Every structure is written in structure tokens, then in C-alpha cells.
PDB file of N, CA and C in Angstrom:
ATOM      1  N   UNK A   1     158.338 103.788  84.568  1.00  0.00           N
ATOM      2  CA  UNK A   1     157.733 105.089  84.309  1.00  0.00           C
ATOM      3  C   UNK A   1     156.802 105.455  85.474  1.00  0.00           C
ATOM      4  N   UNK A   2     156.827 106.696  85.892  1.00  0.00           N
ATOM      5  CA  UNK A   2     156.005 107.171  86.991  1.00  0.00           C
ATOM      6  C   UNK A   2     154.607 107.515  86.480  1.00  0.00           C
ATOM      7  N   UNK A   3     153.583 107.032  87.189  1.00  0.00           N
ATOM      8  CA  UNK A   3     152.212 107.358  86.825  1.00  0.00           C
ATOM      9  C   UNK A   3     151.818 108.652  87.527  1.00  0.00           C
ATOM     10  N   UNK A   4     150.707 109.224  87.079  1.00  0.00           N
ATOM     11  CA  UNK A   4     150.222 110.474  87.680  1.00  0.00           C
ATOM     12  C   UNK A   4     149.937 110.288  89.172  1.00  0.00           C
ATOM     13  N   UNK A   5     149.413 109.119  89.543  1.00  0.00           N
ATOM     14  CA  UNK A   5     149.113 108.872  90.954  1.00  0.00           C
ATOM     15  C   UNK A   5     150.377 108.832  91.797  1.00  0.00           C
ATOM     16  N   UNK A   6     151.482 108.347  91.218  1.00  0.00           N
ATOM     17  CA  UNK A   6     152.737 108.288  91.954  1.00  0.00           C
ATOM     18  C   UNK A   6     153.406 109.655  92.035  1.00  0.00           C
ATOM     19  N   UNK A   7     153.193 110.487  91.023  1.00  0.00           N
ATOM     20  CA  UNK A   7     153.848 111.793  90.952  1.00  0.00           C
ATOM     21  C   UNK A   7     153.151 112.846  91.814  1.00  0.00           C
ATOM     22  N   UNK A   8     151.839 112.732  91.975  1.00  0.00           N
ATOM     23  CA  UNK A   8     151.069 113.720  92.731  1.00  0.00           C
ATOM     24  C   UNK A   8     150.866 113.270  94.174  1.00  0.00           C
ATOM     25  N   UNK A   9     150.980 114.196  95.070  1.00  0.00           N
ATOM     26  CA  UNK A   9     150.592 113.906  96.446  1.00  0.00           C
ATOM     27  C   UNK A   9     149.092 114.117  96.546  1.00  0.00           C
ATOM     28  N   UNK A  10     148.416 113.168  97.130  1.00  0.00           N
ATOM     29  CA  UNK A  10     146.972 113.311  97.303  1.00  0.00           C
ATOM     30  C   UNK A  10     146.701 114.297  98.427  1.00  0.00           C
ATOM     31  N   UNK A  11     145.510 114.878  98.439  1.00  0.00           N
ATOM     32  CA  UNK A  11     145.158 115.770  99.545  1.00  0.00           C
ATOM     33  C   UNK A  11     145.304 115.089 100.908  1.00  0.00           C
ATOM     34  N   UNK A  12     145.004 113.809 100.968  1.00  0.00           N
ATOM     35  CA  UNK A  12     145.151 113.072 102.226  1.00  0.00           C
ATOM     36  C   UNK A  12     146.593 112.966 102.671  1.00  0.00           C
ATOM     37  N   UNK A  13     147.495 112.744 101.720  1.00  0.00           N
ATOM     38  CA  UNK A  13     148.924 112.695 102.049  1.00  0.00           C
ATOM     39  C   UNK A  13     149.391 114.052 102.571  1.00  0.00           C
ATOM     40  N   UNK A  14     148.923 115.104 101.938  1.00  0.00           N
ATOM     41  CA  UNK A  14     149.291 116.455 102.370  1.00  0.00           C
ATOM     42  C   UNK A  14     148.733 116.735 103.763  1.00  0.00           C
ATOM     43  N   UNK A  15     147.485 116.340 103.990  1.00  0.00           N
ATOM     44  CA  UNK A  15     146.887 116.501 105.319  1.00  0.00           C
ATOM     45  C   UNK A  15     147.753 115.837 106.379  1.00  0.00           C
ATOM     46  N   UNK A  16     148.145 114.611 106.118  1.00  0.00           N
ATOM     47  CA  UNK A  16     148.938 113.856 107.085  1.00  0.00           C
ATOM     48  C   UNK A  16     150.350 114.425 107.246  1.00  0.00           C
ATOM     49  N   UNK A  17     151.063 114.551 106.128  1.00  0.00           N
ATOM     50  CA  UNK A  17     152.488 114.876 106.179  1.00  0.00           C
ATOM     51  C   UNK A  17     152.801 116.344 106.461  1.00  0.00           C
ATOM     52  N   UNK A  18     151.905 117.246 106.049  1.00  0.00           N
ATOM     53  CA  UNK A  18     152.201 118.664 106.228  1.00  0.00           C
ATOM     54  C   UNK A  18     151.429 119.328 107.364  1.00  0.00           C
ATOM     55  N   UNK A  19     150.438 118.615 107.888  1.00  0.00           N
ATOM     56  CA  UNK A  19     149.635 119.217 108.953  1.00  0.00           C
ATOM     57  C   UNK A  19     149.571 118.336 110.194  1.00  0.00           C
ATOM     58  N   UNK A  20     149.002 117.145 110.079  1.00  0.00           N
ATOM     59  CA  UNK A  20     148.798 116.327 111.275  1.00  0.00           C
ATOM     60  C   UNK A  20     150.106 115.951 111.960  1.00  0.00           C
ATOM     61  N   UNK A  21     151.038 115.375 111.220  1.00  0.00           N
ATOM     62  CA  UNK A  21     152.298 114.940 111.834  1.00  0.00           C
ATOM     63  C   UNK A  21     153.068 116.126 112.431  1.00  0.00           C
ATOM     64  N   UNK A  22     153.304 117.197 111.660  1.00  0.00           N
ATOM     65  CA  UNK A  22     154.059 118.316 112.253  1.00  0.00           C
ATOM     66  C   UNK A  22     153.365 118.967 113.456  1.00  0.00           C
ATOM     67  N   UNK A  23     152.036 118.971 113.443  1.00  0.00           N
ATOM     68  CA  UNK A  23     151.301 119.587 114.546  1.00  0.00           C
ATOM     69  C   UNK A  23     151.053 118.631 115.717  1.00  0.00           C
ATOM     70  N   UNK A  24     151.427 117.369 115.540  1.00  0.00           N
ATOM     71  CA  UNK A  24     151.228 116.386 116.598  1.00  0.00           C
ATOM     72  C   UNK A  24     149.763 116.034 116.825  1.00  0.00           C
ATOM     73  N   UNK A  25     148.971 116.085 115.767  1.00  0.00           N
ATOM     74  CA  UNK A  25     147.541 115.776 115.857  1.00  0.00           C
ATOM     75  C   UNK A  25     147.299 114.407 115.230  1.00  0.00           C
ATOM     76  N   UNK A  26     146.697 113.515 115.970  1.00  0.00           N
ATOM     77  CA  UNK A  26     146.403 112.192 115.427  1.00  0.00           C
ATOM     78  C   UNK A  26     145.168 112.253 114.530  1.00  0.00           C
ATOM     79  N   UNK A  27     145.046 111.287 113.672  1.00  0.00           N
ATOM     80  CA  UNK A  27     143.857 111.185 112.829  1.00  0.00           C
ATOM     81  C   UNK A  27     142.612 111.070 113.712  1.00  0.00           C
ATOM     82  N   UNK A  28     142.726 110.300 114.771  1.00  0.00           N
ATOM     83  CA  UNK A  28     141.609 110.124 115.699  1.00  0.00           C
ATOM     84  C   UNK A  28     141.207 111.459 116.331  1.00  0.00           C
ATOM     85  N   UNK A  29     142.199 112.247 116.732  1.00  0.00           N
ATOM     86  CA  UNK A  29     141.924 113.536 117.379  1.00  0.00           C
ATOM     87  C   UNK A  29     141.228 114.492 116.415  1.00  0.00           C
ATOM     88  N   UNK A  30     141.677 114.512 115.160  1.00  0.00           N
ATOM     89  CA  UNK A  30     141.028 115.366 114.172  1.00  0.00           C
ATOM     90  C   UNK A  30     139.590 114.921 113.953  1.00  0.00           C
ATOM     91  N   UNK A  31     139.385 113.616 113.817  1.00  0.00           N
ATOM     92  CA  UNK A  31     138.030 113.092 113.614  1.00  0.00           C
ATOM     93  C   UNK A  31     137.125 113.484 114.774  1.00  0.00           C
ATOM     94  N   UNK A  32     137.623 113.349 115.986  1.00  0.00           N
ATOM     95  CA  UNK A  32     136.838 113.698 117.172  1.00  0.00           C
ATOM     96  C   UNK A  32     136.505 115.199 117.172  1.00  0.00           C
ATOM     97  N   UNK A  33     137.475 116.029 116.788  1.00  0.00           N
ATOM     98  CA  UNK A  33     137.283 117.481 116.786  1.00  0.00           C
ATOM     99  C   UNK A  33     136.223 117.918 115.777  1.00  0.00           C
ATOM    100  N   UNK A  34     136.083 117.174 114.686  1.00  0.00           N
ATOM    101  CA  UNK A  34     135.111 117.568 113.660  1.00  0.00           C
ATOM    102  C   UNK A  34     133.827 116.742 113.706  1.00  0.00           C
ATOM    103  N   UNK A  35     133.738 115.833 114.669  1.00  0.00           N
ATOM    104  CA  UNK A  35     132.519 115.051 114.841  1.00  0.00           C
ATOM    105  C   UNK A  35     132.285 114.016 113.752  1.00  0.00           C
ATOM    106  N   UNK A  36     133.358 113.455 113.244  1.00  0.00           N
ATOM    107  CA  UNK A  36     133.259 112.426 112.210  1.00  0.00           C
ATOM    108  C   UNK A  36     133.990 111.172 112.685  1.00  0.00           C
ATOM    109  N   UNK A  37     133.646 110.018 112.108  1.00  0.00           N
ATOM    110  CA  UNK A  37     134.347 108.793 112.513  1.00  0.00           C
ATOM    111  C   UNK A  37     135.819 108.827 112.094  1.00  0.00           C
ATOM    112  N   UNK A  38     136.650 108.190 112.889  1.00  0.00           N
ATOM    113  CA  UNK A  38     138.080 108.122 112.572  1.00  0.00           C
ATOM    114  C   UNK A  38     138.305 107.479 111.209  1.00  0.00           C
ATOM    115  N   UNK A  39     137.417 106.582 110.815  1.00  0.00           N
ATOM    116  CA  UNK A  39     137.567 105.923 109.511  1.00  0.00           C
ATOM    117  C   UNK A  39     137.464 106.927 108.363  1.00  0.00           C
ATOM    118  N   UNK A  40     136.725 108.012 108.554  1.00  0.00           N
ATOM    119  CA  UNK A  40     136.607 109.032 107.507  1.00  0.00           C
ATOM    120  C   UNK A  40     137.956 109.707 107.263  1.00  0.00           C
ATOM    121  N   UNK A  41     138.656 110.045 108.322  1.00  0.00           N
ATOM    122  CA  UNK A  41     139.978 110.665 108.183  1.00  0.00           C
ATOM    123  C   UNK A  41     140.968 109.646 107.644  1.00  0.00           C
ATOM    124  N   UNK A  42     140.923 108.430 108.133  1.00  0.00           N
ATOM    125  CA  UNK A  42     141.795 107.380 107.630  1.00  0.00           C
ATOM    126  C   UNK A  42     141.593 107.156 106.137  1.00  0.00           C
ATOM    127  N   UNK A  43     140.338 107.154 105.705  1.00  0.00           N
ATOM    128  CA  UNK A  43     140.051 106.972 104.277  1.00  0.00           C
ATOM    129  C   UNK A  43     140.611 108.116 103.441  1.00  0.00           C
ATOM    130  N   UNK A  44     140.532 109.331 103.933  1.00  0.00           N
ATOM    131  CA  UNK A  44     141.102 110.484 103.225  1.00  0.00           C
ATOM    132  C   UNK A  44     142.620 110.359 103.157  1.00  0.00           C
ATOM    133  N   UNK A  45     143.234 110.090 104.290  1.00  0.00           N
ATOM    134  CA  UNK A  45     144.698 109.973 104.362  1.00  0.00           C
ATOM    135  C   UNK A  45     145.208 108.863 103.447  1.00  0.00           C
ATOM    136  N   UNK A  46     144.462 107.778 103.351  1.00  0.00           N
ATOM    137  CA  UNK A  46     144.897 106.630 102.544  1.00  0.00           C
ATOM    138  C   UNK A  46     144.365 106.650 101.115  1.00  0.00           C
ATOM    139  N   UNK A  47     143.779 107.781 100.708  1.00  0.00           N
ATOM    140  CA  UNK A  47     143.349 107.940  99.326  1.00  0.00           C
ATOM    141  C   UNK A  47     142.117 107.166  98.924  1.00  0.00           C
ATOM    142  N   UNK A  48     141.340 106.726  99.886  1.00  0.00           N
ATOM    143  CA  UNK A  48     140.111 105.978  99.580  1.00  0.00           C
ATOM    144  C   UNK A  48     138.877 106.871  99.538  1.00  0.00           C
ATOM    145  N   UNK A  49     139.041 108.123  99.946  1.00  0.00           N
ATOM    146  CA  UNK A  49     137.916 109.053 100.004  1.00  0.00           C
ATOM    147  C   UNK A  49     138.418 110.446  99.640  1.00  0.00           C
ATOM    148  N   UNK A  50     137.623 111.152  98.854  1.00  0.00           N
ATOM    149  CA  UNK A  50     137.956 112.529  98.491  1.00  0.00           C
ATOM    150  C   UNK A  50     137.536 113.475  99.617  1.00  0.00           C
ATOM    151  N   UNK A  51     138.123 114.647  99.604  1.00  0.00           N
ATOM    152  CA  UNK A  51     137.734 115.685 100.559  1.00  0.00           C
ATOM    153  C   UNK A  51     136.581 116.464  99.942  1.00  0.00           C
ATOM    154  N   UNK A  52     135.403 116.293 100.495  1.00  0.00           N
ATOM    155  CA  UNK A  52     134.195 116.961 100.010  1.00  0.00           C
ATOM    156  C   UNK A  52     134.183 118.417 100.489  1.00  0.00           C
ATOM    157  N   UNK A  53     133.301 119.242  99.935  1.00  0.00           N
ATOM    158  CA  UNK A  53     133.190 120.614 100.448  1.00  0.00           C
ATOM    159  C   UNK A  53     132.876 120.650 101.949  1.00  0.00           C
ATOM    160  N   UNK A  54     132.005 119.771 102.407  1.00  0.00           N
ATOM    161  CA  UNK A  54     131.697 119.748 103.842  1.00  0.00           C
ATOM    162  C   UNK A  54     132.932 119.385 104.662  1.00  0.00           C
ATOM    163  N   UNK A  55     133.659 118.372 104.214  1.00  0.00           N
ATOM    164  CA  UNK A  55     134.861 117.961 104.934  1.00  0.00           C
ATOM    165  C   UNK A  55     135.920 119.059 104.860  1.00  0.00           C
ATOM    166  N   UNK A  56     135.978 119.781 103.735  1.00  0.00           N
ATOM    167  CA  UNK A  56     136.898 120.921 103.609  1.00  0.00           C
ATOM    168  C   UNK A  56     136.608 121.957 104.683  1.00  0.00           C
ATOM    169  N   UNK A  57     135.328 122.226 104.876  1.00  0.00           N
ATOM    170  CA  UNK A  57     134.926 123.183 105.900  1.00  0.00           C
ATOM    171  C   UNK A  57     135.343 122.691 107.287  1.00  0.00           C
ATOM    172  N   UNK A  58     135.052 121.444 107.577  1.00  0.00           N
ATOM    173  CA  UNK A  58     135.339 120.890 108.903  1.00  0.00           C
ATOM    174  C   UNK A  58     136.845 120.844 109.182  1.00  0.00           C
ATOM    175  N   UNK A  59     137.607 120.333 108.237  1.00  0.00           N
ATOM    176  CA  UNK A  59     139.060 120.236 108.422  1.00  0.00           C
ATOM    177  C   UNK A  59     139.671 121.631 108.504  1.00  0.00           C
ATOM    178  N   UNK A  60     139.276 122.504 107.579  1.00  0.00           N
ATOM    179  CA  UNK A  60     139.808 123.863 107.593  1.00  0.00           C
ATOM    180  C   UNK A  60     139.528 124.583 108.902  1.00  0.00           C
ATOM    181  N   UNK A  61     138.308 124.469 109.379  1.00  0.00           N
ATOM    182  CA  UNK A  61     137.939 125.119 110.637  1.00  0.00           C
ATOM    183  C   UNK A  61     138.743 124.541 111.798  1.00  0.00           C
ATOM    184  N   UNK A  62     138.853 123.223 111.850  1.00  0.00           N
ATOM    185  CA  UNK A  62     139.588 122.577 112.946  1.00  0.00           C
ATOM    186  C   UNK A  62     141.066 122.963 112.938  1.00  0.00           C
ATOM    187  N   UNK A  63     141.623 123.160 111.754  1.00  0.00           N
ATOM    188  CA  UNK A  63     143.049 123.485 111.662  1.00  0.00           C
ATOM    189  C   UNK A  63     143.309 124.991 111.585  1.00  0.00           C
ATOM    190  N   UNK A  64     142.243 125.799 111.733  1.00  0.00           N
ATOM    191  CA  UNK A  64     142.402 127.242 111.754  1.00  0.00           C
ATOM    192  C   UNK A  64     142.822 127.834 110.423  1.00  0.00           C
ATOM    193  N   UNK A  65     142.319 127.254 109.359  1.00  0.00           N
ATOM    194  CA  UNK A  65     142.669 127.751 108.030  1.00  0.00           C
ATOM    195  C   UNK A  65     141.446 127.804 107.138  1.00  0.00           C
ATOM    196  N   UNK A  66     141.612 128.330 105.953  1.00  0.00           N
ATOM    197  CA  UNK A  66     140.501 128.465 105.025  1.00  0.00           C
ATOM    198  C   UNK A  66     140.051 127.113 104.489  1.00  0.00           C
ATOM    199  N   UNK A  67     138.754 126.848 104.513  1.00  0.00           N
ATOM    200  CA  UNK A  67     138.240 125.628 103.894  1.00  0.00           C
ATOM    201  C   UNK A  67     138.531 125.595 102.395  1.00  0.00           C
ATOM    202  N   UNK A  68     138.689 126.783 101.787  1.00  0.00           N
ATOM    203  CA  UNK A  68     138.990 126.852 100.356  1.00  0.00           C
ATOM    204  C   UNK A  68     140.267 126.104 100.013  1.00  0.00           C
ATOM    205  N   UNK A  69     141.243 126.134 100.904  1.00  0.00           N
ATOM    206  CA  UNK A  69     142.502 125.434 100.666  1.00  0.00           C
ATOM    207  C   UNK A  69     142.246 123.964 100.371  1.00  0.00           C
ATOM    208  N   UNK A  70     141.428 123.328 101.197  1.00  0.00           N
ATOM    209  CA  UNK A  70     141.196 121.891 101.069  1.00  0.00           C
ATOM    210  C   UNK A  70     140.341 121.540  99.860  1.00  0.00           C
ATOM    211  N   UNK A  71     139.305 122.325  99.610  1.00  0.00           N
ATOM    212  CA  UNK A  71     138.449 122.031  98.464  1.00  0.00           C
ATOM    213  C   UNK A  71     139.218 122.289  97.163  1.00  0.00           C
ATOM    214  N   UNK A  72     140.040 123.340  97.126  1.00  0.00           N
ATOM    215  CA  UNK A  72     140.842 123.617  95.934  1.00  0.00           C
ATOM    216  C   UNK A  72     141.927 122.564  95.722  1.00  0.00           C
ATOM    217  N   UNK A  73     142.518 122.112  96.797  1.00  0.00           N
ATOM    218  CA  UNK A  73     143.528 121.056  96.707  1.00  0.00           C
ATOM    219  C   UNK A  73     142.921 119.786  96.125  1.00  0.00           C
ATOM    220  N   UNK A  74     141.758 119.402  96.601  1.00  0.00           N
ATOM    221  CA  UNK A  74     141.077 118.204  96.098  1.00  0.00           C
ATOM    222  C   UNK A  74     140.695 118.372  94.633  1.00  0.00           C
ATOM    223  N   UNK A  75     140.148 119.534  94.274  1.00  0.00           N
ATOM    224  CA  UNK A  75     139.733 119.780  92.897  1.00  0.00           C
ATOM    225  C   UNK A  75     140.929 119.724  91.952  1.00  0.00           C
ATOM    226  N   UNK A  76     142.006 120.361  92.323  1.00  0.00           N
ATOM    227  CA  UNK A  76     143.217 120.355  91.495  1.00  0.00           C
ATOM    228  C   UNK A  76     143.743 118.934  91.320  1.00  0.00           C
ATOM    229  N   UNK A  77     143.769 118.174  92.388  1.00  0.00           N
ATOM    230  CA  UNK A  77     144.233 116.785  92.342  1.00  0.00           C
ATOM    231  C   UNK A  77     143.366 115.952  91.398  1.00  0.00           C
ATOM    232  N   UNK A  78     142.060 116.081  91.530  1.00  0.00           N
ATOM    233  CA  UNK A  78     141.147 115.311  90.677  1.00  0.00           C
ATOM    234  C   UNK A  78     141.285 115.719  89.210  1.00  0.00           C
ATOM    235  N   UNK A  79     141.390 117.015  88.935  1.00  0.00           N
ATOM    236  CA  UNK A  79     141.542 117.480  87.555  1.00  0.00           C
ATOM    237  C   UNK A  79     142.831 116.965  86.927  1.00  0.00           C
ATOM    238  N   UNK A  80     143.914 116.945  87.675  1.00  0.00           N
ATOM    239  CA  UNK A  80     145.182 116.429  87.147  1.00  0.00           C
ATOM    240  C   UNK A  80     145.087 114.941  86.843  1.00  0.00           C
ATOM    241  N   UNK A  81     144.376 114.205  87.677  1.00  0.00           N
ATOM    242  CA  UNK A  81     144.191 112.778  87.405  1.00  0.00           C
ATOM    243  C   UNK A  81     143.368 112.560  86.132  1.00  0.00           C
ATOM    244  N   UNK A  82     142.306 113.343  85.956  1.00  0.00           N
ATOM    245  CA  UNK A  82     141.468 113.236  84.757  1.00  0.00           C
ATOM    246  C   UNK A  82     142.268 113.624  83.519  1.00  0.00           C
ATOM    247  N   UNK A  83     143.012 114.716  83.592  1.00  0.00           N
ATOM    248  CA  UNK A  83     143.805 115.175  82.453  1.00  0.00           C
ATOM    249  C   UNK A  83     144.825 114.123  82.028  1.00  0.00           C
ATOM    250  N   UNK A  84     145.432 113.462  82.992  1.00  0.00           N
ATOM    251  CA  UNK A  84     146.410 112.422  82.669  1.00  0.00           C
ATOM    252  C   UNK A  84     145.752 111.228  81.976  1.00  0.00           C
ATOM    253  N   UNK A  85     144.541 110.890  82.392  1.00  0.00           N
ATOM    254  CA  UNK A  85     143.827 109.760  81.781  1.00  0.00           C
ATOM    255  C   UNK A  85     143.372 110.071  80.366  1.00  0.00           C
ATOM    256  N   UNK A  86     143.060 111.334  80.096  1.00  0.00           N
ATOM    257  CA  UNK A  86     142.472 111.703  78.805  1.00  0.00           C
ATOM    258  C   UNK A  86     143.425 112.473  77.898  1.00  0.00           C
ATOM    259  N   UNK A  87     144.690 112.483  78.246  1.00  0.00           N
ATOM    260  CA  UNK A  87     145.674 113.203  77.437  1.00  0.00           C
ATOM    261  C   UNK A  87     145.612 112.698  75.998  1.00  0.00           C
ATOM    262  N   UNK A  88     145.346 113.605  75.068  1.00  0.00           N
ATOM    263  CA  UNK A  88     145.280 113.245  73.650  1.00  0.00           C
ATOM    264  C   UNK A  88     143.938 112.712  73.191  1.00  0.00           C
ATOM    265  N   UNK A  89     142.998 112.535  74.083  1.00  0.00           N
ATOM    266  CA  UNK A  89     141.678 111.971  73.737  1.00  0.00           C
ATOM    267  C   UNK A  89     140.682 113.024  73.254  1.00  0.00           C
ATOM    268  N   UNK A  90     140.964 114.281  73.514  1.00  0.00           N
ATOM    269  CA  UNK A  90     139.994 115.339  73.240  1.00  0.00           C
ATOM    270  C   UNK A  90     140.528 116.248  72.121  1.00  0.00           C
ATOM    271  N   UNK A  91     139.673 116.481  71.145  1.00  0.00           N
ATOM    272  CA  UNK A  91     140.012 117.381  70.057  1.00  0.00           C
ATOM    273  C   UNK A  91     139.794 118.812  70.528  1.00  0.00           C
ATOM    274  N   UNK A  92     140.823 119.637  70.427  1.00  0.00           N
ATOM    275  CA  UNK A  92     140.712 121.041  70.822  1.00  0.00           C
ATOM    276  C   UNK A  92     140.014 121.795  69.703  1.00  0.00           C
ATOM    277  N   UNK A  93     138.937 122.483  70.008  1.00  0.00           N
ATOM    278  CA  UNK A  93     138.132 123.160  69.003  1.00  0.00           C
ATOM    279  C   UNK A  93     138.458 124.642  68.857  1.00  0.00           C
ATOM    280  N   UNK A  94     138.964 125.255  69.897  1.00  0.00           N
ATOM    281  CA  UNK A  94     139.302 126.690  69.815  1.00  0.00           C
ATOM    282  C   UNK A  94     140.663 126.941  70.401  1.00  0.00           C
TER     283      UNK A  94
END
């Protein structure tokens, strides 16, 4: 059976597979462009760190896109993980 973590692409996977690789940008290059350690980008890509609002701003700006994309992607991912863990645990009142 597939778990929610296996079914969903994390924001880090999307960053890597849909942006960095196609654009030919290394994790190191992105980290350097945003003034953060390469380990921060590696942690995001490998699912060890969430994309914070600040990181959303930095990544979005560096990639020429809206920071909202990244913060919304992270929020949606986290909410889906929580919903999967608590499915059936909450009594609906209205």
C-alpha cells in the first residue's frame, strides 16, 4: 500500500526535478545565489527541511517567480500529510 509520503512529491523534489535540473542550476549555485549554505538546499531537496516563508522569498526571487508558489506548495504538502495522519480522528461538528 502506498503511504501519503510516497504518493506526494515534496516541495524539495519539485524544486529539484521541475526547476533545478531542467534549468541546469546546481543546488550549490542556488544556495550561493540566495546567500544560504548548500546544506540548506540539500536538506529541502531531501525532505529534511521545510520551505519557510523566508526561504520561499529567496528561492522565488532567485528563480524569477512568485514566492507565494513555494510557500503555498509547502503549506499544501504539510496539510495533506496531517490530513492523512488524522483521517477519521476528528468529529465533524458542522
